[in-house]
PDB file of N, CA and C in Angstrom:
ATOM      1  N   MET A   1      47.968  10.546  21.023  1.00  0.00           N
ATOM      2  CA  MET A   1      46.783   9.732  20.805  1.00  0.00           C
ATOM      3  C   MET A   1      46.735   9.225  19.367  1.00  0.00           C
ATOM      4  N   LEU A   2      46.964  10.129  18.394  1.00  0.00           N
ATOM      5  CA  LEU A   2      46.960   9.707  16.996  1.00  0.00           C
ATOM      6  C   LEU A   2      48.071   8.709  16.713  1.00  0.00           C
ATOM      7  N   GLY A   3      49.190   8.860  17.400  1.00  0.00           N
ATOM      8  CA  GLY A   3      50.294   7.914  17.230  1.00  0.00           C
ATOM      9  C   GLY A   3      49.895   6.517  17.670  1.00  0.00           C
ATOM     10  N   PHE A   4      49.185   6.449  18.777  1.00  0.00           N
ATOM     11  CA  PHE A   4      48.709   5.149  19.277  1.00  0.00           C
ATOM     12  C   PHE A   4      47.764   4.484  18.264  1.00  0.00           C
ATOM     13  N   ILE A   5      46.840   5.246  17.729  1.00  0.00           N
ATOM     14  CA  ILE A   5      45.886   4.715  16.748  1.00  0.00           C
ATOM     15  C   ILE A   5      46.626   4.249  15.506  1.00  0.00           C
ATOM     16  N   TRP A   6      47.594   5.057  15.035  1.00  0.00           N
ATOM     17  CA  TRP A   6      48.337   4.698  13.828  1.00  0.00           C
ATOM     18  C   TRP A   6      49.136   3.418  14.049  1.00  0.00           C
ATOM     19  N   ARG A   7      49.763   3.278  15.226  1.00  0.00           N
ATOM     20  CA  ARG A   7      50.539   2.062  15.518  1.00  0.00           C
ATOM     21  C   ARG A   7      49.626   0.833  15.576  1.00  0.00           C
ATOM     22  N   GLN A   8      48.415   0.987  16.109  1.00  0.00           N
ATOM     23  CA  GLN A   8      47.476  -0.135  16.176  1.00  0.00           C
ATOM     24  C   GLN A   8      47.033  -0.552  14.770  1.00  0.00           C
ATOM     25  N   LEU A   9      46.770   0.427  13.916  1.00  0.00           N
ATOM     26  CA  LEU A   9      46.355   0.110  12.552  1.00  0.00           C
ATOM     27  C   LEU A   9      47.473  -0.581  11.775  1.00  0.00           C
ATOM     28  N   ARG A  10      48.713  -0.090  11.918  1.00  0.00           N
ATOM     29  CA  ARG A  10      49.846  -0.694  11.198  1.00  0.00           C
ATOM     30  C   ARG A  10      50.218  -2.044  11.785  1.00  0.00           C
ATOM     31  N   GLY A  11      50.179  -2.156  13.078  1.00  0.00           N
ATOM     32  CA  GLY A  11      50.598  -3.390  13.741  1.00  0.00           C
ATOM     33  C   GLY A  11      49.601  -4.519  13.552  1.00  0.00           C
ATOM     34  N   ARG A  12      48.367  -4.206  13.389  1.00  0.00           N
ATOM     35  CA  ARG A  12      47.325  -5.227  13.210  1.00  0.00           C
ATOM     36  C   ARG A  12      46.562  -4.941  11.914  1.00  0.00           C
ATOM     37  N   ALA A  13      47.293  -4.927  10.839  1.00  0.00           N
ATOM     38  CA  ALA A  13      46.726  -4.565   9.537  1.00  0.00           C
ATOM     39  C   ALA A  13      45.629  -5.546   9.113  1.00  0.00           C
ATOM     40  N   GLY A  14      45.826  -6.824   9.356  1.00  0.00           N
ATOM     41  CA  GLY A  14      44.824  -7.827   8.979  1.00  0.00           C
ATOM     42  C   GLY A  14      43.496  -7.584   9.673  1.00  0.00           C
ATOM     43  N   ARG A  15      43.573  -7.258  10.949  1.00  0.00           N
ATOM     44  CA  ARG A  15      42.353  -6.986  11.712  1.00  0.00           C
ATOM     45  C   ARG A  15      41.669  -5.728  11.190  1.00  0.00           C
ATOM     46  N   SER A  16      42.433  -4.703  10.866  1.00  0.00           N
ATOM     47  CA  SER A  16      41.867  -3.455  10.345  1.00  0.00           C
ATOM     48  C   SER A  16      41.177  -3.672   8.997  1.00  0.00           C
ATOM     49  N   VAL A  17      41.825  -4.461   8.120  1.00  0.00           N
ATOM     50  CA  VAL A  17      41.228  -4.740   6.814  1.00  0.00           C
ATOM     51  C   VAL A  17      39.949  -5.554   6.985  1.00  0.00           C
ATOM     52  N   ALA A  18      39.972  -6.550   7.853  1.00  0.00           N
ATOM     53  CA  ALA A  18      38.780  -7.374   8.074  1.00  0.00           C
ATOM     54  C   ALA A  18      37.638  -6.532   8.643  1.00  0.00           C
ATOM     55  N   LEU A  19      37.954  -5.635   9.576  1.00  0.00           N
ATOM     56  CA  LEU A  19      36.930  -4.773  10.142  1.00  0.00           C
ATOM     57  C   LEU A  19      36.345  -3.842   9.089  1.00  0.00           C
ATOM     58  N   SER A  20      37.203  -3.262   8.262  1.00  0.00           N
ATOM     59  CA  SER A  20      36.732  -2.375   7.191  1.00  0.00           C
ATOM     60  C   SER A  20      35.864  -3.129   6.194  1.00  0.00           C
ATOM     61  N   ALA A  21      36.283  -4.343   5.826  1.00  0.00           N
ATOM     62  CA  ALA A  21      35.491  -5.148   4.882  1.00  0.00           C
ATOM     63  C   ALA A  21      34.133  -5.512   5.484  1.00  0.00           C
ATOM     64  N   GLY A  22      34.103  -5.846   6.765  1.00  0.00           N
ATOM     65  CA  GLY A  22      32.846  -6.177   7.432  1.00  0.00           C
ATOM     66  C   GLY A  22      31.887  -5.000   7.460  1.00  0.00           C
ATOM     67  N   VAL A  23      32.414  -3.820   7.755  1.00  0.00           N
ATOM     68  CA  VAL A  23      31.577  -2.621   7.768  1.00  0.00           C
ATOM     69  C   VAL A  23      31.046  -2.338   6.368  1.00  0.00           C
ATOM     70  N   LEU A  24      31.882  -2.505   5.344  1.00  0.00           N
ATOM     71  CA  LEU A  24      31.459  -2.281   3.961  1.00  0.00           C
ATOM     72  C   LEU A  24      30.360  -3.261   3.554  1.00  0.00           C
ATOM     73  N   VAL A  25      30.530  -4.539   3.873  1.00  0.00           N
ATOM     74  CA  VAL A  25      29.519  -5.551   3.530  1.00  0.00           C
ATOM     75  C   VAL A  25      28.207  -5.274   4.264  1.00  0.00           C
ATOM     76  N   ALA A  26      28.279  -4.937   5.541  1.00  0.00           N
ATOM     77  CA  ALA A  26      27.066  -4.664   6.311  1.00  0.00           C
ATOM     78  C   ALA A  26      26.332  -3.441   5.758  1.00  0.00           C
ATOM     79  N   THR A  27      27.062  -2.398   5.429  1.00  0.00           N
ATOM     80  CA  THR A  27      26.443  -1.189   4.886  1.00  0.00           C
ATOM     81  C   THR A  27      25.794  -1.462   3.536  1.00  0.00           C
ATOM     82  N   THR A  28      26.503  -2.179   2.672  1.00  0.00           N
ATOM     83  CA  THR A  28      25.959  -2.509   1.349  1.00  0.00           C
ATOM     84  C   THR A  28      24.696  -3.358   1.477  1.00  0.00           C
ATOM     85  N   GLY A  29      24.735  -4.365   2.348  1.00  0.00           N
ATOM     86  CA  GLY A  29      23.557  -5.207   2.558  1.00  0.00           C
ATOM     87  C   GLY A  29      22.373  -4.419   3.079  1.00  0.00           C
ATOM     88  N   PHE A  30      22.618  -3.516   3.999  1.00  0.00           N
ATOM     89  CA  PHE A  30      21.543  -2.696   4.548  1.00  0.00           C
ATOM     90  C   PHE A  30      20.909  -1.816   3.470  1.00  0.00           C
ATOM     91  N   VAL A  31      21.742  -1.211   2.632  1.00  0.00           N
ATOM     92  CA  VAL A  31      21.226  -0.340   1.573  1.00  0.00           C
ATOM     93  C   VAL A  31      20.396  -1.144   0.574  1.00  0.00           C
ATOM     94  N   VAL A  32      20.880  -2.319   0.187  1.00  0.00           N
ATOM     95  CA  VAL A  32      20.151  -3.154  -0.784  1.00  0.00           C
ATOM     96  C   VAL A  32      18.820  -3.628  -0.203  1.00  0.00           C
ATOM     97  N   LEU A  33      18.825  -4.095   1.035  1.00  0.00           N
ATOM     98  CA  LEU A  33      17.588  -4.581   1.654  1.00  0.00           C
ATOM     99  C   LEU A  33      16.582  -3.459   1.868  1.00  0.00           C
ATOM    100  N   THR A  34      17.054  -2.285   2.224  1.00  0.00           N
ATOM    101  CA  THR A  34      16.149  -1.150   2.395  1.00  0.00           C
ATOM    102  C   THR A  34      15.497  -0.773   1.073  1.00  0.00           C
ATOM    103  N   GLY A  35      16.256  -0.778  -0.009  1.00  0.00           N
ATOM    104  CA  GLY A  35      15.698  -0.478  -1.335  1.00  0.00           C
ATOM    105  C   GLY A  35      14.678  -1.514  -1.765  1.00  0.00           C
ATOM    106  N   ALA A  36      14.945  -2.792  -1.507  1.00  0.00           N
ATOM    107  CA  ALA A  36      14.013  -3.860  -1.882  1.00  0.00           C
ATOM    108  C   ALA A  36      12.721  -3.768  -1.083  1.00  0.00           C
ATOM    109  N   THR A  37      12.821  -3.409   0.189  1.00  0.00           N
ATOM    110  CA  THR A  37      11.626  -3.271   1.025  1.00  0.00           C
ATOM    111  C   THR A  37      10.747  -2.136   0.533  1.00  0.00           C
ATOM    112  N   THR A  38      11.360  -1.017   0.162  1.00  0.00           N
ATOM    113  CA  THR A  38      10.593   0.118  -0.343  1.00  0.00           C
ATOM    114  C   THR A  38       9.875  -0.254  -1.628  1.00  0.00           C
ATOM    115  N   THR A  39      10.543  -0.960  -2.526  1.00  0.00           N
ATOM    116  CA  THR A  39       9.930  -1.381  -3.785  1.00  0.00           C
ATOM    117  C   THR A  39       8.776  -2.337  -3.528  1.00  0.00           C
ATOM    118  N   SER A  40       8.950  -3.291  -2.623  1.00  0.00           N
ATOM    119  CA  SER A  40       7.878  -4.240  -2.296  1.00  0.00           C
ATOM    120  C   SER A  40       6.676  -3.525  -1.713  1.00  0.00           C
ATOM    121  N   ARG A  41       6.905  -2.554  -0.849  1.00  0.00           N
ATOM    122  CA  ARG A  41       5.804  -1.826  -0.241  1.00  0.00           C
ATOM    123  C   ARG A  41       5.020  -1.066  -1.305  1.00  0.00           C
ATOM    124  N   LEU A  42       5.705  -0.481  -2.278  1.00  0.00           N
ATOM    125  CA  LEU A  42       5.019   0.226  -3.354  1.00  0.00           C
ATOM    126  C   LEU A  42       4.193  -0.723  -4.206  1.00  0.00           C
ATOM    127  N   ASP A  43       4.731  -1.915  -4.497  1.00  0.00           N
ATOM    128  CA  ASP A  43       3.989  -2.901  -5.284  1.00  0.00           C
ATOM    129  C   ASP A  43       2.722  -3.342  -4.555  1.00  0.00           C
ATOM    130  N   VAL A  44       2.831  -3.632  -3.270  1.00  0.00           N
ATOM    131  CA  VAL A  44       1.673  -4.090  -2.495  1.00  0.00           C
ATOM    132  C   VAL A  44       0.629  -2.988  -2.393  1.00  0.00           C
ATOM    133  N   THR A  45       1.063  -1.761  -2.141  1.00  0.00           N
ATOM    134  CA  THR A  45       0.118  -0.640  -2.038  1.00  0.00           C
ATOM    135  C   THR A  45      -0.626  -0.447  -3.347  1.00  0.00           C
ATOM    136  N   GLY A  46       0.077  -0.510  -4.476  1.00  0.00           N
ATOM    137  CA  GLY A  46      -0.566  -0.357  -5.777  1.00  0.00           C
ATOM    138  C   GLY A  46      -1.558  -1.481  -6.048  1.00  0.00           C
ATOM    139  N   THR A  47      -1.204  -2.717  -5.684  1.00  0.00           N
ATOM    140  CA  THR A  47      -2.093  -3.863  -5.895  1.00  0.00           C
ATOM    141  C   THR A  47      -3.354  -3.722  -5.060  1.00  0.00           C
ATOM    142  N   VAL A  48      -3.214  -3.326  -3.813  1.00  0.00           N
ATOM    143  CA  VAL A  48      -4.374  -3.174  -2.932  1.00  0.00           C
ATOM    144  C   VAL A  48      -5.290  -2.062  -3.449  1.00  0.00           C
ATOM    145  N   GLU A  49      -4.710  -0.944  -3.854  1.00  0.00           N
ATOM    146  CA  GLU A  49      -5.537   0.164  -4.346  1.00  0.00           C
ATOM    147  C   GLU A  49      -6.287  -0.212  -5.618  1.00  0.00           C
ATOM    148  N   ARG A  50      -5.672  -1.006  -6.498  1.00  0.00           N
ATOM    149  CA  ARG A  50      -6.350  -1.410  -7.736  1.00  0.00           C
ATOM    150  C   ARG A  50      -7.473  -2.409  -7.473  1.00  0.00           C
ATOM    151  N   ASN A  51      -7.367  -3.208  -6.425  1.00  0.00           N
ATOM    152  CA  ASN A  51      -8.333  -4.282  -6.192  1.00  0.00           C
ATOM    153  C   ASN A  51      -9.312  -3.999  -5.059  1.00  0.00           C
ATOM    154  N   THR A  52      -9.311  -2.803  -4.534  1.00  0.00           N
ATOM    155  CA  THR A  52     -10.223  -2.463  -3.449  1.00  0.00           C
ATOM    156  C   THR A  52     -11.571  -2.031  -4.017  1.00  0.00           C
ATOM    157  N   GLN A  53     -12.638  -2.546  -3.422  1.00  0.00           N
ATOM    158  CA  GLN A  53     -13.983  -2.171  -3.858  1.00  0.00           C
ATOM    159  C   GLN A  53     -14.775  -1.740  -2.621  1.00  0.00           C
ATOM    160  N   VAL A  54     -15.544  -0.705  -2.767  1.00  0.00           N
ATOM    161  CA  VAL A  54     -16.331  -0.210  -1.638  1.00  0.00           C
ATOM    162  C   VAL A  54     -17.475  -1.169  -1.332  1.00  0.00           C
ATOM    163  N   ALA A  55     -17.947  -1.134  -0.086  1.00  0.00           N
ATOM    164  CA  ALA A  55     -19.039  -2.018   0.320  1.00  0.00           C
ATOM    165  C   ALA A  55     -20.367  -1.586  -0.304  1.00  0.00           C
ATOM    166  N   TYR A  56     -20.592  -0.292  -0.383  1.00  0.00           N
ATOM    167  CA  TYR A  56     -21.830   0.217  -0.957  1.00  0.00           C
ATOM    168  C   TYR A  56     -21.526   1.374  -1.891  1.00  0.00           C
ATOM    169  N   GLU A  57     -22.237   1.411  -2.998  1.00  0.00           N
ATOM    170  CA  GLU A  57     -22.141   2.551  -3.903  1.00  0.00           C
ATOM    171  C   GLU A  57     -23.381   3.402  -3.668  1.00  0.00           C
ATOM    172  N   ILE A  58     -23.205   4.681  -3.475  1.00  0.00           N
ATOM    173  CA  ILE A  58     -24.319   5.570  -3.163  1.00  0.00           C
ATOM    174  C   ILE A  58     -24.834   6.199  -4.447  1.00  0.00           C
ATOM    175  N   LEU A  59     -26.125   6.086  -4.661  1.00  0.00           N
ATOM    176  CA  LEU A  59     -26.775   6.637  -5.840  1.00  0.00           C
ATOM    177  C   LEU A  59     -27.762   7.704  -5.387  1.00  0.00           C
ATOM    178  N   VAL A  60     -27.561   8.927  -5.848  1.00  0.00           N
ATOM    179  CA  VAL A  60     -28.458  10.028  -5.489  1.00  0.00           C
ATOM    180  C   VAL A  60     -29.049  10.578  -6.768  1.00  0.00           C
ATOM    181  N   ARG A  61     -30.386  10.514  -6.853  1.00  0.00           N
ATOM    182  CA  ARG A  61     -31.098  11.016  -8.037  1.00  0.00           C
ATOM    183  C   ARG A  61     -32.335  11.769  -7.601  1.00  0.00           C
ATOM    184  N   PRO A  62     -32.882  12.570  -8.488  1.00  0.00           N
ATOM    185  CA  PRO A  62     -34.123  13.283  -8.148  1.00  0.00           C
ATOM    186  C   PRO A  62     -35.265  12.292  -7.895  1.00  0.00           C
ATOM    187  N   LYS A  63     -36.219  12.728  -7.108  1.00  0.00           N
ATOM    188  CA  LYS A  63     -37.362  11.889  -6.755  1.00  0.00           C
ATOM    189  C   LYS A  63     -38.152  11.527  -8.020  1.00  0.00           C
ATOM    190  N   GLY A  64     -38.575  10.265  -8.099  1.00  0.00           N
ATOM    191  CA  GLY A  64     -39.394   9.809  -9.207  1.00  0.00           C
ATOM    192  C   GLY A  64     -38.617   9.377 -10.445  1.00  0.00           C
ATOM    193  N   THR A  65     -37.292   9.217 -10.353  1.00  0.00           N
ATOM    194  CA  THR A  65     -36.508   8.825 -11.534  1.00  0.00           C
ATOM    195  C   THR A  65     -36.150   7.339 -11.526  1.00  0.00           C
ATOM    196  N   ARG A  66     -36.712   6.574 -10.632  1.00  0.00           N
ATOM    197  CA  ARG A  66     -36.454   5.140 -10.572  1.00  0.00           C
ATOM    198  C   ARG A  66     -37.146   4.462 -11.749  1.00  0.00           C
ATOM    199  N   THR A  67     -36.396   3.668 -12.521  1.00  0.00           N
ATOM    200  CA  THR A  67     -36.963   3.025 -13.707  1.00  0.00           C
ATOM    201  C   THR A  67     -37.767   1.792 -13.311  1.00  0.00           C
ATOM    202  N   PRO A  68     -38.702   1.347 -14.171  1.00  0.00           N
ATOM    203  CA  PRO A  68     -39.473   0.139 -13.867  1.00  0.00           C
ATOM    204  C   PRO A  68     -38.579  -1.092 -13.696  1.00  0.00           C
ATOM    205  N   LEU A  69     -37.500  -1.179 -14.474  1.00  0.00           N
ATOM    206  CA  LEU A  69     -36.582  -2.319 -14.360  1.00  0.00           C
ATOM    207  C   LEU A  69     -35.915  -2.340 -12.984  1.00  0.00           C
ATOM    208  N   GLU A  70     -35.508  -1.186 -12.484  1.00  0.00           N
ATOM    209  CA  GLU A  70     -34.912  -1.108 -11.150  1.00  0.00           C
ATOM    210  C   GLU A  70     -35.916  -1.526 -10.080  1.00  0.00           C
ATOM    211  N   ALA A  71     -37.139  -1.096 -10.233  1.00  0.00           N
ATOM    212  CA  ALA A  71     -38.167  -1.460  -9.255  1.00  0.00           C
ATOM    213  C   ALA A  71     -38.466  -2.957  -9.312  1.00  0.00           C
ATOM    214  N   GLU A  72     -38.531  -3.511 -10.518  1.00  0.00           N
ATOM    215  CA  GLU A  72     -38.838  -4.930 -10.697  1.00  0.00           C
ATOM    216  C   GLU A  72     -37.744  -5.823 -10.107  1.00  0.00           C
ATOM    217  N   ARG A  73     -36.494  -5.474 -10.347  1.00  0.00           N
ATOM    218  CA  ARG A  73     -35.388  -6.313  -9.890  1.00  0.00           C
ATOM    219  C   ARG A  73     -34.853  -5.915  -8.516  1.00  0.00           C
ATOM    220  N   GLY A  74     -35.377  -4.858  -7.945  1.00  0.00           N
ATOM    221  CA  GLY A  74     -34.941  -4.436  -6.613  1.00  0.00           C
ATOM    222  C   GLY A  74     -33.528  -3.893  -6.572  1.00  0.00           C
ATOM    223  N   TRP A  75     -33.090  -3.265  -7.655  1.00  0.00           N
ATOM    224  CA  TRP A  75     -31.724  -2.757  -7.726  1.00  0.00           C
ATOM    225  C   TRP A  75     -31.496  -1.540  -6.857  1.00  0.00           C
ATOM    226  N   SER A  76     -32.466  -0.734  -6.654  1.00  0.00           N
ATOM    227  CA  SER A  76     -32.296   0.421  -5.769  1.00  0.00           C
ATOM    228  C   SER A  76     -33.524   0.536  -4.896  1.00  0.00           C
ATOM    229  N   ALA A  77     -33.280   0.945  -3.672  1.00  0.00           N
ATOM    230  CA  ALA A  77     -34.371   1.054  -2.711  1.00  0.00           C
ATOM    231  C   ALA A  77     -35.221   2.273  -3.030  1.00  0.00           C
ATOM    232  N   PRO A  78     -36.473   2.263  -2.608  1.00  0.00           N
ATOM    233  CA  PRO A  78     -37.288   3.459  -2.779  1.00  0.00           C
ATOM    234  C   PRO A  78     -36.662   4.617  -2.002  1.00  0.00           C
ATOM    235  N   THR A  79     -37.212   5.774  -2.159  1.00  0.00           N
ATOM    236  CA  THR A  79     -36.659   6.982  -1.568  1.00  0.00           C
ATOM    237  C   THR A  79     -36.457   6.830  -0.066  1.00  0.00           C
ATOM    238  N   ILE A  80     -35.225   7.093   0.365  1.00  0.00           N
ATOM    239  CA  ILE A  80     -34.895   7.046   1.788  1.00  0.00           C
ATOM    240  C   ILE A  80     -35.252   8.384   2.425  1.00  0.00           C
ATOM    241  N   SER A  81     -34.818   9.461   1.796  1.00  0.00           N
ATOM    242  CA  SER A  81     -35.169  10.806   2.246  1.00  0.00           C
ATOM    243  C   SER A  81     -35.625  11.575   1.011  1.00  0.00           C
ATOM    244  N   PRO A  82     -36.331  12.629   1.165  1.00  0.00           N
ATOM    245  CA  PRO A  82     -36.861  13.336   0.001  1.00  0.00           C
ATOM    246  C   PRO A  82     -35.774  13.710  -1.007  1.00  0.00           C
ATOM    247  N   GLY A  83     -35.982  13.296  -2.249  1.00  0.00           N
ATOM    248  CA  GLY A  83     -35.074  13.663  -3.325  1.00  0.00           C
ATOM    249  C   GLY A  83     -33.872  12.764  -3.506  1.00  0.00           C
ATOM    250  N   SER A  84     -33.802  11.620  -2.807  1.00  0.00           N
ATOM    251  CA  SER A  84     -32.640  10.738  -2.979  1.00  0.00           C
ATOM    252  C   SER A  84     -33.081   9.286  -2.889  1.00  0.00           C
ATOM    253  N   SER A  85     -32.234   8.387  -3.412  1.00  0.00           N
ATOM    254  CA  SER A  85     -32.464   6.953  -3.266  1.00  0.00           C
ATOM    255  C   SER A  85     -31.133   6.279  -3.023  1.00  0.00           C
ATOM    256  N   ALA A  86     -31.136   5.136  -2.361  1.00  0.00           N
ATOM    257  CA  ALA A  86     -29.895   4.438  -2.020  1.00  0.00           C
ATOM    258  C   ALA A  86     -29.718   3.240  -2.932  1.00  0.00           C
ATOM    259  N   ALA A  87     -28.506   3.008  -3.359  1.00  0.00           N
ATOM    260  CA  ALA A  87     -28.211   1.863  -4.228  1.00  0.00           C
ATOM    261  C   ALA A  87     -27.968   0.628  -3.386  1.00  0.00           C
ATOM    262  N   SER A  88     -28.133  -0.526  -3.997  1.00  0.00           N
ATOM    263  CA  SER A  88     -27.826  -1.765  -3.311  1.00  0.00           C
ATOM    264  C   SER A  88     -26.333  -2.054  -3.413  1.00  0.00           C
ATOM    265  N   PRO A  89     -25.821  -3.000  -2.610  1.00  0.00           N
ATOM    266  CA  PRO A  89     -24.391  -3.314  -2.662  1.00  0.00           C
ATOM    267  C   PRO A  89     -23.974  -3.762  -4.065  1.00  0.00           C
ATOM    268  N   PRO A  90     -22.724  -3.500  -4.469  1.00  0.00           N
ATOM    269  CA  PRO A  90     -22.261  -3.903  -5.802  1.00  0.00           C
ATOM    270  C   PRO A  90     -22.390  -5.401  -6.058  1.00  0.00           C
ATOM    271  N   SER A  91     -22.249  -6.221  -5.006  1.00  0.00           N
ATOM    272  CA  SER A  91     -22.321  -7.663  -5.201  1.00  0.00           C
ATOM    273  C   SER A  91     -23.703  -8.094  -5.691  1.00  0.00           C
ATOM    274  N   SER A  92     -24.757  -7.398  -5.297  1.00  0.00           N
ATOM    275  CA  SER A  92     -26.086  -7.797  -5.742  1.00  0.00           C
ATOM    276  C   SER A  92     -26.418  -7.263  -7.122  1.00  0.00           C
ATOM    277  N   THR A  93     -25.706  -6.230  -7.573  1.00  0.00           N
ATOM    278  CA  THR A  93     -25.983  -5.670  -8.909  1.00  0.00           C
ATOM    279  C   THR A  93     -25.165  -6.344  -9.983  1.00  0.00           C
ATOM    280  N   SER A  94     -24.107  -7.082  -9.606  1.00  0.00           N
ATOM    281  CA  SER A  94     -23.240  -7.684 -10.628  1.00  0.00           C
ATOM    282  C   SER A  94     -23.703  -9.065 -11.058  1.00  0.00           C
ATOM    283  N   ARG A  95     -24.772  -9.565 -10.510  1.00  0.00           N
ATOM    284  CA  ARG A  95     -25.254 -10.918 -10.873  1.00  0.00           C
ATOM    285  C   ARG A  95     -25.936 -10.938 -12.207  1.00  0.00           C
TER     286      ARG A  95
END
């Protein structure tokens, strides 16, 4: 069996070299593309995490600590449950 394989490799050397080169190019391309994809995924994940903002920020304070300015401008709602108050969305506080 090994003799048959050896004769095929020697008798068709051009085909063997071309096949080996093709496998080498395909493997190298796969490794490079896989590395680039991993790097891109890390960049996108980092960008999304840096630019993500929550819909609501929760503010919990003792009862009666709402300032007159907050009440005047409506920045935080009156007490929802005893001892806490809810904040308004960040978009309304950044104006």
